[in-house]
Amino acid sequence: MQKCRPKYLNLFQIKLPLPGFVSILHRASGLLLFLALPFLLWMLQASLMSIETFTGLQSFFDHASVKLLLIVLLWALLHHFFAGLRYLLIDMHLLSGLARARQSGVWVLVLSLFLTLLLGAKLW
């Protein structure tokens, strides 16, 4: 018995379902939040040191690139939060079935993007 297996698997030709895409984004957002933790802790420390460092930090936030970075971190936080709630509901067997998994994946993407745009507009 010889099984015919592909010798080369082209990952760009594989169509990933929406729950798989949400799962990859959940992992990527968690990694991004983990890597941004020293930057976020530095911002907290600088804001609490003195009034001079606080005003310096405010002028640092006036740059568009810093605001864009904070909006990306906001999206990562919101997506990771909503996807984590989705996985918690799946583990509790409240979202069983393929249709509910797809629908909850859409909700995670919609809620995280909508709240990022809404809160990001206030941040800008």
N, C-alpha and C. Protein backbone atom coordinates (compact mmCIF):
# COMPACT_ATOMS: atom_id res chain seq x y z
N MET A 1 0.83 -1.18 0.00
CA MET A 1 0.00 0.00 0.00
C MET A 1 0.88 1.25 0.00
N GLN A 2 0.82 1.98 -1.05
CA GLN A 2 1.56 3.21 -1.12
C GLN A 2 0.57 4.37 -1.24
N LYS A 3 0.67 5.31 -0.32
CA LYS A 3 -0.22 6.46 -0.33
C LYS A 3 0.38 7.56 -1.20
N CYS A 4 -0.48 8.19 -1.97
CA CYS A 4 -0.03 9.29 -2.81
C CYS A 4 -0.14 10.59 -2.01
N ARG A 5 0.96 11.04 -1.57
CA ARG A 5 1.02 12.28 -0.81
C ARG A 5 1.76 13.33 -1.62
N PRO A 6 1.37 14.55 -1.46
CA PRO A 6 2.10 15.59 -2.22
C PRO A 6 3.51 15.77 -1.68
N LYS A 7 4.44 15.98 -2.59
CA LYS A 7 5.82 16.20 -2.17
C LYS A 7 6.06 17.67 -1.87
N TYR A 8 5.24 18.53 -2.47
CA TYR A 8 5.39 19.96 -2.25
C TYR A 8 4.00 20.52 -1.95
N LEU A 9 3.86 21.15 -0.82
CA LEU A 9 2.58 21.71 -0.41
C LEU A 9 2.65 23.22 -0.55
N ASN A 10 1.90 23.77 -1.50
CA ASN A 10 1.90 25.20 -1.72
C ASN A 10 0.86 25.84 -0.80
N LEU A 11 1.32 26.56 0.20
CA LEU A 11 0.43 27.14 1.19
C LEU A 11 -0.38 28.31 0.63
N PHE A 12 0.05 28.88 -0.48
CA PHE A 12 -0.69 29.99 -1.07
C PHE A 12 -1.90 29.52 -1.86
N GLN A 13 -1.98 28.24 -2.18
CA GLN A 13 -3.12 27.70 -2.92
C GLN A 13 -4.20 27.13 -2.00
N ILE A 14 -3.91 27.01 -0.72
CA ILE A 14 -4.87 26.45 0.22
C ILE A 14 -5.84 27.54 0.63
N LYS A 15 -7.12 27.24 0.53
CA LYS A 15 -8.17 28.20 0.94
C LYS A 15 -8.47 27.95 2.41
N LEU A 16 -8.11 28.93 3.24
CA LEU A 16 -8.29 28.82 4.68
C LEU A 16 -9.71 29.25 5.04
N PRO A 17 -10.44 28.47 5.83
CA PRO A 17 -11.79 28.91 6.24
C PRO A 17 -11.70 30.07 7.23
N LEU A 18 -12.82 30.76 7.39
CA LEU A 18 -12.85 31.95 8.25
C LEU A 18 -12.46 31.65 9.69
N PRO A 19 -12.93 30.56 10.32
CA PRO A 19 -12.47 30.30 11.69
C PRO A 19 -10.96 30.09 11.79
N GLY A 20 -10.35 29.53 10.75
CA GLY A 20 -8.90 29.38 10.74
C GLY A 20 -8.20 30.72 10.63
N PHE A 21 -8.75 31.62 9.83
CA PHE A 21 -8.21 32.96 9.69
C PHE A 21 -8.30 33.72 11.01
N VAL A 22 -9.44 33.59 11.70
CA VAL A 22 -9.61 34.23 13.01
C VAL A 22 -8.61 33.65 14.01
N SER A 23 -8.37 32.36 13.94
CA SER A 23 -7.42 31.72 14.84
C SER A 23 -6.00 32.23 14.62
N ILE A 24 -5.61 32.37 13.37
CA ILE A 24 -4.26 32.89 13.08
C ILE A 24 -4.14 34.33 13.54
N LEU A 25 -5.18 35.14 13.32
CA LEU A 25 -5.15 36.52 13.78
C LEU A 25 -5.13 36.61 15.31
N HIS A 26 -5.78 35.65 15.98
CA HIS A 26 -5.76 35.62 17.45
C HIS A 26 -4.35 35.38 17.95
N ARG A 27 -3.65 34.46 17.32
CA ARG A 27 -2.27 34.19 17.72
C ARG A 27 -1.36 35.36 17.41
N ALA A 28 -1.55 35.97 16.23
CA ALA A 28 -0.71 37.10 15.84
C ALA A 28 -0.96 38.31 16.76
N SER A 29 -2.21 38.54 17.12
CA SER A 29 -2.50 39.67 18.00
C SER A 29 -1.93 39.42 19.40
N GLY A 30 -1.98 38.19 19.86
CA GLY A 30 -1.37 37.87 21.16
C GLY A 30 0.13 38.08 21.14
N LEU A 31 0.77 37.69 20.06
CA LEU A 31 2.22 37.89 19.94
C LEU A 31 2.54 39.38 19.88
N LEU A 32 1.75 40.13 19.13
CA LEU A 32 1.97 41.57 19.04
C LEU A 32 1.80 42.25 20.39
N LEU A 33 0.79 41.85 21.14
CA LEU A 33 0.60 42.43 22.48
C LEU A 33 1.75 42.06 23.42
N PHE A 34 2.23 40.84 23.31
CA PHE A 34 3.34 40.41 24.15
C PHE A 34 4.61 41.20 23.82
N LEU A 35 4.87 41.39 22.52
CA LEU A 35 6.07 42.12 22.13
C LEU A 35 5.97 43.61 22.45
N ALA A 36 4.75 44.15 22.50
CA ALA A 36 4.55 45.56 22.79
C ALA A 36 4.53 45.85 24.28
N LEU A 37 4.55 44.83 25.09
CA LEU A 37 4.46 45.03 26.53
C LEU A 37 5.57 45.91 27.11
N PRO A 38 6.84 45.75 26.72
CA PRO A 38 7.86 46.67 27.24
C PRO A 38 7.60 48.13 26.85
N PHE A 39 7.14 48.37 25.62
CA PHE A 39 6.82 49.72 25.17
C PHE A 39 5.67 50.31 25.99
N LEU A 40 4.65 49.51 26.24
CA LEU A 40 3.51 49.98 27.02
C LEU A 40 3.88 50.24 28.47
N LEU A 41 4.73 49.39 29.03
CA LEU A 41 5.18 49.61 30.41
C LEU A 41 6.08 50.84 30.50
N TRP A 42 6.89 51.07 29.47
CA TRP A 42 7.72 52.27 29.44
C TRP A 42 6.84 53.52 29.40
N MET A 43 5.77 53.48 28.59
CA MET A 43 4.85 54.62 28.53
C MET A 43 4.21 54.87 29.88
N LEU A 44 3.80 53.82 30.57
CA LEU A 44 3.20 53.98 31.90
C LEU A 44 4.20 54.57 32.89
N GLN A 45 5.41 54.05 32.87
CA GLN A 45 6.43 54.56 33.79
C GLN A 45 6.76 56.02 33.49
N ALA A 46 6.87 56.36 32.22
CA ALA A 46 7.20 57.75 31.85
C ALA A 46 6.06 58.70 32.22
N SER A 47 4.84 58.22 32.12
CA SER A 47 3.71 59.10 32.44
C SER A 47 3.59 59.33 33.95
N LEU A 48 4.11 58.44 34.75
CA LEU A 48 3.98 58.56 36.20
C LEU A 48 5.21 59.15 36.89
N MET A 49 6.31 59.34 36.16
CA MET A 49 7.55 59.82 36.78
C MET A 49 7.46 61.26 37.25
N SER A 50 7.19 62.15 36.31
CA SER A 50 7.11 63.57 36.66
C SER A 50 6.25 64.27 35.61
N ILE A 51 5.97 65.52 35.85
CA ILE A 51 5.17 66.29 34.90
C ILE A 51 5.95 66.54 33.61
N GLU A 52 7.28 66.66 33.70
CA GLU A 52 8.10 66.89 32.51
C GLU A 52 8.08 65.67 31.58
N THR A 53 8.22 64.48 32.16
CA THR A 53 8.19 63.28 31.32
C THR A 53 6.79 63.05 30.76
N PHE A 54 5.77 63.45 31.53
CA PHE A 54 4.40 63.31 31.04
C PHE A 54 4.15 64.22 29.84
N THR A 55 4.62 65.46 29.92
CA THR A 55 4.44 66.37 28.78
C THR A 55 5.31 65.94 27.59
N GLY A 56 6.48 65.38 27.87
CA GLY A 56 7.31 64.84 26.79
C GLY A 56 6.63 63.67 26.10
N LEU A 57 5.95 62.86 26.89
CA LEU A 57 5.21 61.73 26.33
C LEU A 57 4.02 62.21 25.51
N GLN A 58 3.39 63.29 25.95
CA GLN A 58 2.29 63.85 25.17
C GLN A 58 2.76 64.36 23.82
N SER A 59 3.92 65.00 23.78
CA SER A 59 4.45 65.46 22.50
C SER A 59 4.89 64.27 21.63
N PHE A 60 5.32 63.18 22.27
CA PHE A 60 5.67 61.96 21.54
C PHE A 60 4.44 61.37 20.86
N PHE A 61 3.28 61.47 21.52
CA PHE A 61 2.04 60.94 20.97
C PHE A 61 1.47 61.79 19.84
N ASP A 62 2.01 62.97 19.64
CA ASP A 62 1.53 63.82 18.56
C ASP A 62 1.98 63.34 17.18
N HIS A 63 2.97 62.49 17.12
CA HIS A 63 3.46 61.97 15.84
C HIS A 63 2.46 60.97 15.27
N ALA A 64 2.27 61.03 13.96
CA ALA A 64 1.29 60.16 13.31
C ALA A 64 1.69 58.69 13.38
N SER A 65 2.98 58.42 13.31
CA SER A 65 3.42 57.02 13.35
C SER A 65 3.15 56.38 14.71
N VAL A 66 3.29 57.16 15.77
CA VAL A 66 3.01 56.64 17.12
C VAL A 66 1.51 56.40 17.28
N LYS A 67 0.71 57.33 16.76
CA LYS A 67 -0.74 57.14 16.82
C LYS A 67 -1.17 55.91 16.02
N LEU A 68 -0.55 55.69 14.88
CA LEU A 68 -0.86 54.51 14.07
C LEU A 68 -0.47 53.24 14.81
N LEU A 69 0.68 53.26 15.47
CA LEU A 69 1.11 52.10 16.26
C LEU A 69 0.13 51.82 17.39
N LEU A 70 -0.35 52.87 18.05
CA LEU A 70 -1.31 52.68 19.13
C LEU A 70 -2.65 52.16 18.61
N ILE A 71 -3.05 52.56 17.42
CA ILE A 71 -4.29 52.04 16.84
C ILE A 71 -4.13 50.57 16.48
N VAL A 72 -2.95 50.18 15.98
CA VAL A 72 -2.70 48.76 15.70
C VAL A 72 -2.73 47.96 17.00
N LEU A 73 -2.14 48.50 18.05
CA LEU A 73 -2.17 47.81 19.35
C LEU A 73 -3.59 47.74 19.91
N LEU A 74 -4.37 48.77 19.66
CA LEU A 74 -5.78 48.75 20.08
C LEU A 74 -6.54 47.66 19.35
N TRP A 75 -6.29 47.52 18.02
CA TRP A 75 -6.95 46.44 17.27
C TRP A 75 -6.51 45.09 17.83
N ALA A 76 -5.22 44.93 18.10
CA ALA A 76 -4.73 43.65 18.61
C ALA A 76 -5.40 43.31 19.94
N LEU A 77 -5.54 44.30 20.80
CA LEU A 77 -6.19 44.06 22.09
C LEU A 77 -7.65 43.67 21.92
N LEU A 78 -8.38 44.40 21.08
CA LEU A 78 -9.79 44.11 20.88
C LEU A 78 -10.01 42.76 20.19
N HIS A 79 -9.20 42.49 19.17
CA HIS A 79 -9.35 41.21 18.47
C HIS A 79 -9.00 40.04 19.40
N HIS A 80 -7.94 40.18 20.15
CA HIS A 80 -7.54 39.10 21.06
C HIS A 80 -8.60 38.88 22.14
N PHE A 81 -9.20 39.96 22.61
CA PHE A 81 -10.25 39.85 23.62
C PHE A 81 -11.49 39.14 23.07
N PHE A 82 -11.99 39.59 21.92
CA PHE A 82 -13.20 38.99 21.37
C PHE A 82 -12.97 37.56 20.88
N ALA A 83 -11.81 37.29 20.32
CA ALA A 83 -11.52 35.92 19.90
C ALA A 83 -11.36 35.02 21.13
N GLY A 84 -10.79 35.55 22.20
CA GLY A 84 -10.68 34.77 23.44
C GLY A 84 -12.04 34.44 24.01
N LEU A 85 -12.97 35.40 23.97
CA LEU A 85 -14.35 35.11 24.39
C LEU A 85 -14.99 34.05 23.51
N ARG A 86 -14.72 34.14 22.21
CA ARG A 86 -15.26 33.14 21.27
C ARG A 86 -14.75 31.75 21.60
N TYR A 87 -13.45 31.63 21.87
CA TYR A 87 -12.89 30.31 22.21
C TYR A 87 -13.40 29.81 23.56
N LEU A 88 -13.64 30.73 24.48
CA LEU A 88 -14.22 30.34 25.76
C LEU A 88 -15.62 29.77 25.57
N LEU A 89 -16.43 30.41 24.73
CA LEU A 89 -17.78 29.91 24.45
C LEU A 89 -17.75 28.59 23.69
N ILE A 90 -16.77 28.43 22.82
CA ILE A 90 -16.63 27.14 22.12
C ILE A 90 -16.26 26.04 23.11
N ASP A 91 -15.35 26.34 24.03
CA ASP A 91 -14.94 25.35 25.03
C ASP A 91 -16.08 24.98 25.97
N MET A 92 -17.01 25.91 26.18
CA MET A 92 -18.16 25.64 27.03
C MET A 92 -19.30 24.98 26.25
N HIS A 93 -19.05 24.66 24.98
CA HIS A 93 -20.01 24.00 24.09
C HIS A 93 -21.26 24.86 23.86
N LEU A 94 -21.10 26.17 23.90
CA LEU A 94 -22.21 27.06 23.60
C LEU A 94 -22.22 27.48 22.13
N LEU A 95 -21.10 27.32 21.46
CA LEU A 95 -21.00 27.62 20.03
C LEU A 95 -20.57 26.35 19.29
N SER A 96 -21.43 25.38 19.26
CA SER A 96 -21.07 24.14 18.59
C SER A 96 -21.63 24.15 17.18
N GLY A 97 -20.92 23.53 16.28
CA GLY A 97 -21.35 23.44 14.90
C GLY A 97 -20.58 24.40 14.00
N LEU A 98 -20.51 24.02 12.74
CA LEU A 98 -19.75 24.79 11.78
C LEU A 98 -20.39 26.14 11.48
N ALA A 99 -21.71 26.19 11.41
CA ALA A 99 -22.39 27.45 11.10
C ALA A 99 -22.18 28.48 12.21
N ARG A 100 -22.27 28.05 13.45
CA ARG A 100 -22.04 28.97 14.56
C ARG A 100 -20.58 29.40 14.66
N ALA A 101 -19.68 28.50 14.31
CA ALA A 101 -18.26 28.85 14.33
C ALA A 101 -17.97 29.92 13.28
N ARG A 102 -18.54 29.77 12.10
CA ARG A 102 -18.35 30.79 11.07
C ARG A 102 -18.99 32.11 11.46
N GLN A 103 -20.20 32.04 12.00
CA GLN A 103 -20.90 33.26 12.39
C GLN A 103 -20.16 33.98 13.52
N SER A 104 -19.66 33.24 14.49
CA SER A 104 -18.93 33.89 15.58
C SER A 104 -17.60 34.46 15.09
N GLY A 105 -16.99 33.82 14.10
CA GLY A 105 -15.77 34.36 13.51
C GLY A 105 -16.02 35.69 12.82
N VAL A 106 -17.15 35.79 12.13
CA VAL A 106 -17.52 37.05 11.49
C VAL A 106 -17.75 38.12 12.54
N TRP A 107 -18.42 37.76 13.63
CA TRP A 107 -18.69 38.72 14.70
C TRP A 107 -17.41 39.21 15.34
N VAL A 108 -16.44 38.33 15.52
CA VAL A 108 -15.16 38.74 16.10
C VAL A 108 -14.48 39.77 15.20
N LEU A 109 -14.45 39.50 13.91
CA LEU A 109 -13.81 40.43 12.98
C LEU A 109 -14.55 41.76 12.92
N VAL A 110 -15.87 41.71 12.86
CA VAL A 110 -16.66 42.93 12.74
C VAL A 110 -16.54 43.78 14.00
N LEU A 111 -16.70 43.15 15.16
CA LEU A 111 -16.62 43.91 16.42
C LEU A 111 -15.24 44.51 16.64
N SER A 112 -14.21 43.74 16.38
CA SER A 112 -12.86 44.27 16.62
C SER A 112 -12.54 45.42 15.67
N LEU A 113 -12.91 45.28 14.41
CA LEU A 113 -12.64 46.37 13.46
C LEU A 113 -13.50 47.59 13.73
N PHE A 114 -14.79 47.39 14.04
CA PHE A 114 -15.68 48.51 14.30
C PHE A 114 -15.24 49.30 15.53
N LEU A 115 -14.93 48.59 16.62
CA LEU A 115 -14.50 49.28 17.83
C LEU A 115 -13.13 49.92 17.67
N THR A 116 -12.27 49.32 16.85
CA THR A 116 -10.97 49.94 16.57
C THR A 116 -11.16 51.24 15.82
N LEU A 117 -12.03 51.24 14.83
CA LEU A 117 -12.29 52.49 14.09
C LEU A 117 -12.94 53.53 14.99
N LEU A 118 -13.87 53.11 15.82
CA LEU A 118 -14.57 54.05 16.69
C LEU A 118 -13.62 54.64 17.75
N LEU A 119 -12.89 53.81 18.44
CA LEU A 119 -11.97 54.29 19.46
C LEU A 119 -10.72 54.93 18.85
N GLY A 120 -10.30 54.43 17.68
CA GLY A 120 -9.15 55.02 17.00
C GLY A 120 -9.42 56.42 16.52
N ALA A 121 -10.67 56.70 16.11
CA ALA A 121 -11.03 58.06 15.71
C ALA A 121 -10.94 59.01 16.90
N LYS A 122 -11.31 58.54 18.08
CA LYS A 122 -11.17 59.37 19.28
C LYS A 122 -9.69 59.55 19.66
N LEU A 123 -8.89 58.52 19.41
CA LEU A 123 -7.46 58.58 19.73
C LEU A 123 -6.73 59.54 18.81
N TRP A 124 -7.11 59.57 17.55
CA TRP A 124 -6.40 60.41 16.58
C TRP A 124 -6.64 61.85 16.89
